[in-house]
C-alpha atoms as a PDB file:
ATOM      1  CA  MET A   1      23.871 -26.216  24.743  1.00  0.00           C
ATOM      2  CA  LEU A   2      27.410 -26.515  26.029  1.00  0.00           C
ATOM      3  CA  GLY A   3      28.168 -26.937  29.719  1.00  0.00           C
ATOM      4  CA  LEU A   4      31.639 -26.248  31.108  1.00  0.00           C
ATOM      5  CA  GLU A   5      32.890 -26.922  34.596  1.00  0.00           C
ATOM      6  CA  GLN A   6      36.186 -26.196  36.299  1.00  0.00           C
ATOM      7  CA  LYS A   7      36.633 -29.699  37.770  1.00  0.00           C
ATOM      8  CA  ARG A   8      35.800 -33.035  36.190  1.00  0.00           C
ATOM      9  CA  HIS A   9      32.785 -34.904  37.636  1.00  0.00           C
ATOM     10  CA  ARG A  10      31.721 -31.968  39.842  1.00  0.00           C
ATOM     11  CA  TYR A  11      28.180 -31.903  38.493  1.00  0.00           C
ATOM     12  CA  GLU A  12      28.245 -35.180  36.622  1.00  0.00           C
ATOM     13  CA  ILE A  13      26.016 -37.082  39.034  1.00  0.00           C
ATOM     14  CA  ALA A  14      23.231 -34.501  39.151  1.00  0.00           C
ATOM     15  CA  LEU A  15      23.384 -33.274  35.572  1.00  0.00           C
ATOM     16  CA  SER A  16      24.613 -36.217  33.526  1.00  0.00           C
ATOM     17  CA  ASP A  17      21.452 -36.263  31.459  1.00  0.00           C
ATOM     18  CA  LEU A  18      21.219 -32.514  30.872  1.00  0.00           C
ATOM     19  CA  LEU A  19      19.730 -32.331  27.388  1.00  0.00           C
ATOM     20  CA  GLY A  20      21.523 -35.556  26.592  1.00  0.00           C
ATOM     21  CA  ARG A  21      24.955 -33.969  26.928  1.00  0.00           C
ATOM     22  CA  ASP A  22      27.739 -34.379  29.418  1.00  0.00           C
ATOM     23  CA  ILE A  23      29.415 -31.482  31.178  1.00  0.00           C
ATOM     24  CA  ASP A  24      32.857 -30.742  29.745  1.00  0.00           C
ATOM     25  CA  VAL A  25      35.884 -29.560  31.737  1.00  0.00           C
ATOM     26  CA  ASP A  26      37.529 -26.187  31.127  1.00  0.00           C
ATOM     27  CA  GLU A  27      40.098 -26.570  33.937  1.00  0.00           C
ATOM     28  CA  GLY A  28      39.386 -22.991  35.039  1.00  0.00           C
ATOM     29  CA  LYS A  29      41.287 -21.708  31.996  1.00  0.00           C
ATOM     30  CA  TYR A  30      39.586 -19.221  29.709  1.00  0.00           C
ATOM     31  CA  GLU A  31      41.688 -20.404  26.755  1.00  0.00           C
ATOM     32  CA  VAL A  32      40.293 -23.934  27.120  1.00  0.00           C
ATOM     33  CA  ALA A  33      36.738 -22.633  27.586  1.00  0.00           C
ATOM     34  CA  ILE A  34      36.976 -20.420  24.482  1.00  0.00           C
ATOM     35  CA  ARG A  35      38.367 -23.268  22.368  1.00  0.00           C
ATOM     36  CA  LYS A  36      35.689 -25.694  23.518  1.00  0.00           C
ATOM     37  CA  VAL A  37      32.843 -23.222  23.019  1.00  0.00           C
ATOM     38  CA  ARG A  38      34.113 -22.250  19.551  1.00  0.00           C
ATOM     39  CA  ASN A  39      34.573 -25.874  18.502  1.00  0.00           C
ATOM     40  CA  GLY A  40      31.195 -26.825  19.970  1.00  0.00           C
ATOM     41  CA  LEU A  41      29.456 -24.095  17.990  1.00  0.00           C
ATOM     42  CA  VAL A  42      31.214 -25.118  14.779  1.00  0.00           C
ATOM     43  CA  GLY A  43      30.206 -28.720  15.503  1.00  0.00           C
ATOM     44  CA  GLU A  44      26.582 -27.562  15.691  1.00  0.00           C
ATOM     45  CA  GLY A  45      26.791 -25.986  12.252  1.00  0.00           C
ATOM     46  CA  PHE A  46      27.786 -22.409  13.061  1.00  0.00           C
ATOM     47  CA  GLU A  47      30.225 -20.993  10.551  1.00  0.00           C
ATOM     48  CA  THR A  48      33.246 -18.907  11.517  1.00  0.00           C
ATOM     49  CA  SER A  49      36.498 -18.012   9.855  1.00  0.00           C
ATOM     50  CA  ALA A  50      38.128 -17.258  13.206  1.00  0.00           C
ATOM     51  CA  GLY A  51      40.101 -19.998  14.876  1.00  0.00           C
ATOM     52  CA  SER A  52      40.195 -20.350  18.635  1.00  0.00           C
ATOM     53  CA  ALA A  53      43.691 -18.765  18.813  1.00  0.00           C
ATOM     54  CA  ARG A  54      42.356 -15.572  17.214  1.00  0.00           C
ATOM     55  CA  ILE A  55      39.342 -15.500  19.508  1.00  0.00           C
ATOM     56  CA  VAL A  56      41.598 -15.950  22.563  1.00  0.00           C
ATOM     57  CA  SER A  57      43.833 -13.120  21.322  1.00  0.00           C
ATOM     58  CA  ASP A  58      40.825 -10.829  20.814  1.00  0.00           C
ATOM     59  CA  TYR A  59      39.514 -11.742  24.269  1.00  0.00           C
ATOM     60  CA  GLU A  60      42.888 -10.929  25.845  1.00  0.00           C
ATOM     61  CA  ASP A  61      42.976  -7.567  24.007  1.00  0.00           C
ATOM     62  CA  VAL A  62      39.535  -6.676  25.359  1.00  0.00           C
ATOM     63  CA  GLN A  63      40.485  -7.740  28.885  1.00  0.00           C
ATOM     64  CA  GLU A  64      43.647  -5.619  28.733  1.00  0.00           C
ATOM     65  CA  TRP A  65      41.701  -2.631  27.428  1.00  0.00           C
ATOM     66  CA  TYR A  66      39.009  -3.102  30.090  1.00  0.00           C
ATOM     67  CA  SER A  67      41.533  -3.329  32.954  1.00  0.00           C
ATOM     68  CA  GLU A  68      43.186  -0.076  31.839  1.00  0.00           C
ATOM     69  CA  GLY A  69      39.890   1.851  31.971  1.00  0.00           C
END
């Protein structure tokens, strides 16, 4: 499980022992969140040929398409 939060230490006190993992900071930026989630999944043994830059680009394409509809 990966936990992301916009501001450092926001939930640290209450959730510091959540499944033995600390909450990570995404700074409110989707690019950071995508990179951290992708890298976290790879670190857990998930295989992917897509780097975080490609995933961010695909995400931005979908968001652009969605906002046009």
